[in-house]
Amino acid sequence: MLTVLVVIIHVLVSLTLVFLVLLHSGKGGGLSDMFGGGLGASAAGSTSVEKNLDRITIVASLIFAFTTMGLVFMLD
């Protein structure tokens, strides 16, 4: 039962992580420009939208790493 729960969380976080990485702006802009990420990026460095997107991506990647390690130890 616990393994199924961790697998469900792992799949949801992995899909969320793909979406969050696609939102990041690269050299040519990115999908984050749609949400106001590119409005002041050239003048002020990074905006609060980009900072929050970075934080959410880091949290999602940590959850992904922990669920990966949890599955490794559960299936051993």
PDB file of N, CA and C in Angstrom:
ATOM      1  N   MET A   1       0.827  -1.192   0.000  1.00  0.00           N
ATOM      2  CA  MET A   1       0.000   0.000   0.000  1.00  0.00           C
ATOM      3  C   MET A   1       0.868   1.252   0.000  1.00  0.00           C
ATOM      4  N   LEU A   2       1.922   1.266   0.809  1.00  0.00           N
ATOM      5  CA  LEU A   2       2.808   2.422   0.874  1.00  0.00           C
ATOM      6  C   LEU A   2       3.572   2.608  -0.432  1.00  0.00           C
ATOM      7  N   THR A   3       3.942   1.508  -1.060  1.00  0.00           N
ATOM      8  CA  THR A   3       4.659   1.581  -2.330  1.00  0.00           C
ATOM      9  C   THR A   3       3.791   2.208  -3.409  1.00  0.00           C
ATOM     10  N   VAL A   4       2.525   1.853  -3.442  1.00  0.00           N
ATOM     11  CA  VAL A   4       1.605   2.424  -4.425  1.00  0.00           C
ATOM     12  C   VAL A   4       1.455   3.926  -4.212  1.00  0.00           C
ATOM     13  N   LEU A   5       1.364   4.341  -2.971  1.00  0.00           N
ATOM     14  CA  LEU A   5       1.251   5.761  -2.656  1.00  0.00           C
ATOM     15  C   LEU A   5       2.497   6.523  -3.097  1.00  0.00           C
ATOM     16  N   VAL A   6       3.666   5.970  -2.841  1.00  0.00           N
ATOM     17  CA  VAL A   6       4.916   6.630  -3.234  1.00  0.00           C
ATOM     18  C   VAL A   6       5.040   6.682  -4.756  1.00  0.00           C
ATOM     19  N   VAL A   7       4.604   5.644  -5.456  1.00  0.00           N
ATOM     20  CA  VAL A   7       4.642   5.639  -6.921  1.00  0.00           C
ATOM     21  C   VAL A   7       3.713   6.709  -7.479  1.00  0.00           C
ATOM     22  N   ILE A   8       2.535   6.853  -6.901  1.00  0.00           N
ATOM     23  CA  ILE A   8       1.597   7.885  -7.360  1.00  0.00           C
ATOM     24  C   ILE A   8       2.183   9.274  -7.150  1.00  0.00           C
ATOM     25  N   ILE A   9       2.763   9.511  -5.975  1.00  0.00           N
ATOM     26  CA  ILE A   9       3.405  10.802  -5.701  1.00  0.00           C
ATOM     27  C   ILE A   9       4.559  11.031  -6.663  1.00  0.00           C
ATOM     28  N   HIS A  10       5.328   9.994  -6.924  1.00  0.00           N
ATOM     29  CA  HIS A  10       6.490  10.089  -7.811  1.00  0.00           C
ATOM     30  C   HIS A  10       6.068  10.470  -9.232  1.00  0.00           C
ATOM     31  N   VAL A  11       5.020   9.860  -9.731  1.00  0.00           N
ATOM     32  CA  VAL A  11       4.539  10.161 -11.089  1.00  0.00           C
ATOM     33  C   VAL A  11       4.001  11.587 -11.163  1.00  0.00           C
ATOM     34  N   LEU A  12       3.237  11.996 -10.167  1.00  0.00           N
ATOM     35  CA  LEU A  12       2.691  13.356 -10.157  1.00  0.00           C
ATOM     36  C   LEU A  12       3.801  14.406 -10.081  1.00  0.00           C
ATOM     37  N   VAL A  13       4.788  14.152  -9.240  1.00  0.00           N
ATOM     38  CA  VAL A  13       5.889  15.100  -9.111  1.00  0.00           C
ATOM     39  C   VAL A  13       6.733  15.136 -10.379  1.00  0.00           C
ATOM     40  N   SER A  14       6.919  14.000 -11.017  1.00  0.00           N
ATOM     41  CA  SER A  14       7.719  13.991 -12.240  1.00  0.00           C
ATOM     42  C   SER A  14       7.025  14.775 -13.357  1.00  0.00           C
ATOM     43  N   LEU A  15       5.707  14.650 -13.490  1.00  0.00           N
ATOM     44  CA  LEU A  15       4.977  15.430 -14.484  1.00  0.00           C
ATOM     45  C   LEU A  15       5.006  16.918 -14.151  1.00  0.00           C
ATOM     46  N   THR A  16       4.886  17.237 -12.874  1.00  0.00           N
ATOM     47  CA  THR A  16       4.975  18.622 -12.438  1.00  0.00           C
ATOM     48  C   THR A  16       6.355  19.195 -12.711  1.00  0.00           C
ATOM     49  N   LEU A  17       7.376  18.403 -12.493  1.00  0.00           N
ATOM     50  CA  LEU A  17       8.743  18.849 -12.722  1.00  0.00           C
ATOM     51  C   LEU A  17       8.998  19.129 -14.197  1.00  0.00           C
ATOM     52  N   VAL A  18       8.478  18.299 -15.068  1.00  0.00           N
ATOM     53  CA  VAL A  18       8.613  18.548 -16.512  1.00  0.00           C
ATOM     54  C   VAL A  18       7.943  19.869 -16.872  1.00  0.00           C
ATOM     55  N   PHE A  19       6.754  20.098 -16.358  1.00  0.00           N
ATOM     56  CA  PHE A  19       6.032  21.341 -16.622  1.00  0.00           C
ATOM     57  C   PHE A  19       6.797  22.555 -16.094  1.00  0.00           C
ATOM     58  N   LEU A  20       7.341  22.446 -14.887  1.00  0.00           N
ATOM     59  CA  LEU A  20       8.071  23.568 -14.305  1.00  0.00           C
ATOM     60  C   LEU A  20       9.355  23.884 -15.069  1.00  0.00           C
ATOM     61  N   VAL A  21      10.040  22.860 -15.533  1.00  0.00           N
ATOM     62  CA  VAL A  21      11.268  23.094 -16.295  1.00  0.00           C
ATOM     63  C   VAL A  21      10.930  23.769 -17.627  1.00  0.00           C
ATOM     64  N   LEU A  22       9.824  23.391 -18.232  1.00  0.00           N
ATOM     65  CA  LEU A  22       9.423  24.038 -19.478  1.00  0.00           C
ATOM     66  C   LEU A  22       9.031  25.494 -19.276  1.00  0.00           C
ATOM     67  N   LEU A  23       8.597  25.851 -18.089  1.00  0.00           N
ATOM     68  CA  LEU A  23       8.232  27.236 -17.811  1.00  0.00           C
ATOM     69  C   LEU A  23       9.441  28.157 -17.687  1.00  0.00           C
ATOM     70  N   HIS A  24      10.601  27.604 -17.377  1.00  0.00           N
ATOM     71  CA  HIS A  24      11.796  28.430 -17.215  1.00  0.00           C
ATOM     72  C   HIS A  24      12.188  29.075 -18.530  1.00  0.00           C
ATOM     73  N   SER A  25      12.682  30.307 -18.428  1.00  0.00           N
ATOM     74  CA  SER A  25      13.114  30.997 -19.639  1.00  0.00           C
ATOM     75  C   SER A  25      14.552  30.633 -19.959  1.00  0.00           C
ATOM     76  N   GLY A  26      14.801  30.404 -21.207  1.00  0.00           N
ATOM     77  CA  GLY A  26      16.148  30.103 -21.668  1.00  0.00           C
ATOM     78  C   GLY A  26      16.749  31.328 -22.308  1.00  0.00           C
ATOM     79  N   LYS A  27      17.604  31.121 -23.290  1.00  0.00           N
ATOM     80  CA  LYS A  27      18.229  32.250 -23.977  1.00  0.00           C
ATOM     81  C   LYS A  27      17.220  33.057 -24.782  1.00  0.00           C
ATOM     82  N   GLY A  28      16.282  32.381 -25.398  1.00  0.00           N
ATOM     83  CA  GLY A  28      15.352  33.070 -26.286  1.00  0.00           C
ATOM     84  C   GLY A  28      14.026  33.419 -25.649  1.00  0.00           C
ATOM     85  N   GLY A  29      13.902  33.395 -24.360  1.00  0.00           N
ATOM     86  CA  GLY A  29      12.630  33.700 -23.708  1.00  0.00           C
ATOM     87  C   GLY A  29      12.145  32.497 -22.953  1.00  0.00           C
ATOM     88  N   GLY A  30      11.076  31.908 -23.396  1.00  0.00           N
ATOM     89  CA  GLY A  30      10.534  30.722 -22.741  1.00  0.00           C
ATOM     90  C   GLY A  30       9.077  30.903 -22.409  1.00  0.00           C
ATOM     91  N   LEU A  31       8.520  29.879 -21.839  1.00  0.00           N
ATOM     92  CA  LEU A  31       7.103  29.925 -21.495  1.00  0.00           C
ATOM     93  C   LEU A  31       6.829  30.821 -20.296  1.00  0.00           C
ATOM     94  N   SER A  32       7.855  31.143 -19.516  1.00  0.00           N
ATOM     95  CA  SER A  32       7.623  32.006 -18.355  1.00  0.00           C
ATOM     96  C   SER A  32       7.313  33.432 -18.775  1.00  0.00           C
ATOM     97  N   ASP A  33       7.619  33.809 -20.018  1.00  0.00           N
ATOM     98  CA  ASP A  33       7.273  35.144 -20.503  1.00  0.00           C
ATOM     99  C   ASP A  33       5.765  35.351 -20.545  1.00  0.00           C
ATOM    100  N   MET A  34       5.016  34.268 -20.705  1.00  0.00           N
ATOM    101  CA  MET A  34       3.564  34.385 -20.731  1.00  0.00           C
ATOM    102  C   MET A  34       3.026  34.854 -19.390  1.00  0.00           C
ATOM    103  N   PHE A  35       3.724  34.547 -18.320  1.00  0.00           N
ATOM    104  CA  PHE A  35       3.238  34.879 -16.978  1.00  0.00           C
ATOM    105  C   PHE A  35       3.974  36.071 -16.378  1.00  0.00           C
ATOM    106  N   GLY A  36       4.629  36.869 -17.186  1.00  0.00           N
ATOM    107  CA  GLY A  36       5.283  38.069 -16.691  1.00  0.00           C
ATOM    108  C   GLY A  36       6.719  37.880 -16.304  1.00  0.00           C
ATOM    109  N   GLY A  37       7.319  36.771 -16.634  1.00  0.00           N
ATOM    110  CA  GLY A  37       8.712  36.531 -16.265  1.00  0.00           C
ATOM    111  C   GLY A  37       9.692  37.340 -17.079  1.00  0.00           C
ATOM    112  N   GLY A  38       9.335  37.737 -18.276  1.00  0.00           N
ATOM    113  CA  GLY A  38      10.264  38.450 -19.145  1.00  0.00           C
ATOM    114  C   GLY A  38      10.061  39.944 -19.179  1.00  0.00           C
ATOM    115  N   LEU A  39       9.157  40.478 -18.376  1.00  0.00           N
ATOM    116  CA  LEU A  39       8.873  41.904 -18.444  1.00  0.00           C
ATOM    117  C   LEU A  39      10.029  42.754 -17.965  1.00  0.00           C
ATOM    118  N   GLY A  40      10.614  42.446 -16.856  1.00  0.00           N
ATOM    119  CA  GLY A  40      11.700  43.253 -16.335  1.00  0.00           C
ATOM    120  C   GLY A  40      12.995  42.496 -16.210  1.00  0.00           C
ATOM    121  N   ALA A  41      13.112  41.395 -16.884  1.00  0.00           N
ATOM    122  CA  ALA A  41      14.285  40.551 -16.720  1.00  0.00           C
ATOM    123  C   ALA A  41      15.546  41.187 -17.271  1.00  0.00           C
ATOM    124  N   SER A  42      15.414  41.975 -18.325  1.00  0.00           N
ATOM    125  CA  SER A  42      16.610  42.580 -18.908  1.00  0.00           C
ATOM    126  C   SER A  42      17.114  43.734 -18.061  1.00  0.00           C
ATOM    127  N   ALA A  43      16.236  44.441 -17.361  1.00  0.00           N
ATOM    128  CA  ALA A  43      16.651  45.611 -16.590  1.00  0.00           C
ATOM    129  C   ALA A  43      17.001  45.270 -15.149  1.00  0.00           C
ATOM    130  N   ALA A  44      16.284  44.349 -14.531  1.00  0.00           N
ATOM    131  CA  ALA A  44      16.437  44.136 -13.091  1.00  0.00           C
ATOM    132  C   ALA A  44      16.995  42.770 -12.731  1.00  0.00           C
ATOM    133  N   GLY A  45      17.521  42.027 -13.673  1.00  0.00           N
ATOM    134  CA  GLY A  45      18.017  40.691 -13.345  1.00  0.00           C
ATOM    135  C   GLY A  45      16.899  39.693 -13.412  1.00  0.00           C
ATOM    136  N   SER A  46      16.538  39.105 -12.287  1.00  0.00           N
ATOM    137  CA  SER A  46      15.439  38.147 -12.293  1.00  0.00           C
ATOM    138  C   SER A  46      14.280  38.699 -11.476  1.00  0.00           C
ATOM    139  N   THR A  47      13.095  38.418 -11.943  1.00  0.00           N
ATOM    140  CA  THR A  47      11.889  38.956 -11.310  1.00  0.00           C
ATOM    141  C   THR A  47      11.413  38.021 -10.205  1.00  0.00           C
ATOM    142  N   SER A  48      10.406  38.465  -9.491  1.00  0.00           N
ATOM    143  CA  SER A  48       9.871  37.640  -8.407  1.00  0.00           C
ATOM    144  C   SER A  48       9.195  36.395  -8.954  1.00  0.00           C
ATOM    145  N   VAL A  49       8.637  36.486 -10.168  1.00  0.00           N
ATOM    146  CA  VAL A  49       8.019  35.305 -10.775  1.00  0.00           C
ATOM    147  C   VAL A  49       9.080  34.241 -11.031  1.00  0.00           C
ATOM    148  N   GLU A  50      10.232  34.660 -11.552  1.00  0.00           N
ATOM    149  CA  GLU A  50      11.311  33.714 -11.829  1.00  0.00           C
ATOM    150  C   GLU A  50      11.891  33.136 -10.543  1.00  0.00           C
ATOM    151  N   LYS A  51      12.007  33.978  -9.513  1.00  0.00           N
ATOM    152  CA  LYS A  51      12.515  33.482  -8.229  1.00  0.00           C
ATOM    153  C   LYS A  51      11.574  32.445  -7.624  1.00  0.00           C
ATOM    154  N   ASN A  52      10.281  32.730  -7.670  1.00  0.00           N
ATOM    155  CA  ASN A  52       9.308  31.770  -7.141  1.00  0.00           C
ATOM    156  C   ASN A  52       9.279  30.495  -7.971  1.00  0.00           C
ATOM    157  N   LEU A  53       9.420  30.629  -9.294  1.00  0.00           N
ATOM    158  CA  LEU A  53       9.473  29.454 -10.161  1.00  0.00           C
ATOM    159  C   LEU A  53      10.701  28.608  -9.846  1.00  0.00           C
ATOM    160  N   ASP A  54      11.822  29.268  -9.574  1.00  0.00           N
ATOM    161  CA  ASP A  54      13.033  28.542  -9.177  1.00  0.00           C
ATOM    162  C   ASP A  54      12.824  27.785  -7.871  1.00  0.00           C
ATOM    163  N   ARG A  55      12.211  28.436  -6.904  1.00  0.00           N
ATOM    164  CA  ARG A  55      11.980  27.798  -5.599  1.00  0.00           C
ATOM    165  C   ARG A  55      11.045  26.594  -5.719  1.00  0.00           C
ATOM    166  N   ILE A  56       9.977  26.756  -6.482  1.00  0.00           N
ATOM    167  CA  ILE A  56       9.030  25.657  -6.652  1.00  0.00           C
ATOM    168  C   ILE A  56       9.695  24.490  -7.379  1.00  0.00           C
ATOM    169  N   THR A  57      10.541  24.811  -8.370  1.00  0.00           N
ATOM    170  CA  THR A  57      11.242  23.757  -9.106  1.00  0.00           C
ATOM    171  C   THR A  57      12.212  23.012  -8.204  1.00  0.00           C
ATOM    172  N   ILE A  58      12.893  23.724  -7.327  1.00  0.00           N
ATOM    173  CA  ILE A  58      13.828  23.082  -6.394  1.00  0.00           C
ATOM    174  C   ILE A  58      13.079  22.163  -5.433  1.00  0.00           C
ATOM    175  N   VAL A  59      11.945  22.622  -4.919  1.00  0.00           N
ATOM    176  CA  VAL A  59      11.157  21.788  -4.002  1.00  0.00           C
ATOM    177  C   VAL A  59      10.653  20.541  -4.717  1.00  0.00           C
ATOM    178  N   ALA A  60      10.173  20.707  -5.942  1.00  0.00           N
ATOM    179  CA  ALA A  60       9.683  19.555  -6.705  1.00  0.00           C
ATOM    180  C   ALA A  60      10.803  18.573  -7.007  1.00  0.00           C
ATOM    181  N   SER A  61      11.996  19.089  -7.301  1.00  0.00           N
ATOM    182  CA  SER A  61      13.112  18.184  -7.586  1.00  0.00           C
ATOM    183  C   SER A  61      13.572  17.450  -6.327  1.00  0.00           C
ATOM    184  N   LEU A  62      13.492  18.101  -5.175  1.00  0.00           N
ATOM    185  CA  LEU A  62      13.834  17.417  -3.920  1.00  0.00           C
ATOM    186  C   LEU A  62      12.826  16.316  -3.599  1.00  0.00           C
ATOM    187  N   ILE A  63      11.542  16.610  -3.810  1.00  0.00           N
ATOM    188  CA  ILE A  63      10.518  15.581  -3.592  1.00  0.00           C
ATOM    189  C   ILE A  63      10.739  14.419  -4.548  1.00  0.00           C
ATOM    190  N   PHE A  64      11.086  14.724  -5.808  1.00  0.00           N
ATOM    191  CA  PHE A  64      11.366  13.685  -6.793  1.00  0.00           C
ATOM    192  C   PHE A  64      12.541  12.823  -6.344  1.00  0.00           C
ATOM    193  N   ALA A  65      13.599  13.461  -5.835  1.00  0.00           N
ATOM    194  CA  ALA A  65      14.772  12.709  -5.388  1.00  0.00           C
ATOM    195  C   ALA A  65      14.431  11.823  -4.186  1.00  0.00           C
ATOM    196  N   PHE A  66      13.661  12.352  -3.240  1.00  0.00           N
ATOM    197  CA  PHE A  66      13.306  11.561  -2.060  1.00  0.00           C
ATOM    198  C   PHE A  66      12.387  10.391  -2.403  1.00  0.00           C
ATOM    199  N   THR A  67      11.441  10.615  -3.329  1.00  0.00           N
ATOM    200  CA  THR A  67      10.573   9.508  -3.711  1.00  0.00           C
ATOM    201  C   THR A  67      11.346   8.463  -4.511  1.00  0.00           C
ATOM    202  N   THR A  68      12.334   8.911  -5.287  1.00  0.00           N
ATOM    203  CA  THR A  68      13.179   7.963  -6.014  1.00  0.00           C
ATOM    204  C   THR A  68      13.953   7.089  -5.038  1.00  0.00           C
ATOM    205  N   MET A  69      14.573   7.715  -4.045  1.00  0.00           N
ATOM    206  CA  MET A  69      15.324   6.934  -3.050  1.00  0.00           C
ATOM    207  C   MET A  69      14.389   6.053  -2.224  1.00  0.00           C
ATOM    208  N   GLY A  70      13.207   6.551  -1.925  1.00  0.00           N
ATOM    209  CA  GLY A  70      12.246   5.743  -1.183  1.00  0.00           C
ATOM    210  C   GLY A  70      11.833   4.496  -1.954  1.00  0.00           C
ATOM    211  N   LEU A  71      11.620   4.663  -3.266  1.00  0.00           N
ATOM    212  CA  LEU A  71      11.264   3.507  -4.079  1.00  0.00           C
ATOM    213  C   LEU A  71      12.412   2.527  -4.196  1.00  0.00           C
ATOM    214  N   VAL A  72      13.618   3.034  -4.250  1.00  0.00           N
ATOM    215  CA  VAL A  72      14.784   2.136  -4.322  1.00  0.00           C
ATOM    216  C   VAL A  72      14.858   1.279  -3.061  1.00  0.00           C
ATOM    217  N   PHE A  73      14.666   1.890  -1.910  1.00  0.00           N
ATOM    218  CA  PHE A  73      14.773   1.138  -0.664  1.00  0.00           C
ATOM    219  C   PHE A  73      13.557   0.241  -0.407  1.00  0.00           C
ATOM    220  N   MET A  74      12.382   0.664  -0.894  1.00  0.00           N
ATOM    221  CA  MET A  74      11.179  -0.154  -0.713  1.00  0.00           C
ATOM    222  C   MET A  74      11.200  -1.402  -1.588  1.00  0.00           C
ATOM    223  N   LEU A  75      11.725  -1.285  -2.780  1.00  0.00           N
ATOM    224  CA  LEU A  75      11.714  -2.381  -3.727  1.00  0.00           C
ATOM    225  C   LEU A  75      12.926  -3.290  -3.566  1.00  0.00           C
ATOM    226  N   ASP A  76      13.815  -2.962  -2.689  1.00  0.00           N
ATOM    227  CA  ASP A  76      14.994  -3.802  -2.444  1.00  0.00           C
ATOM    228  C   ASP A  76      14.681  -5.003  -1.619  1.00  0.00           C
TER     229      ASP A  76
END
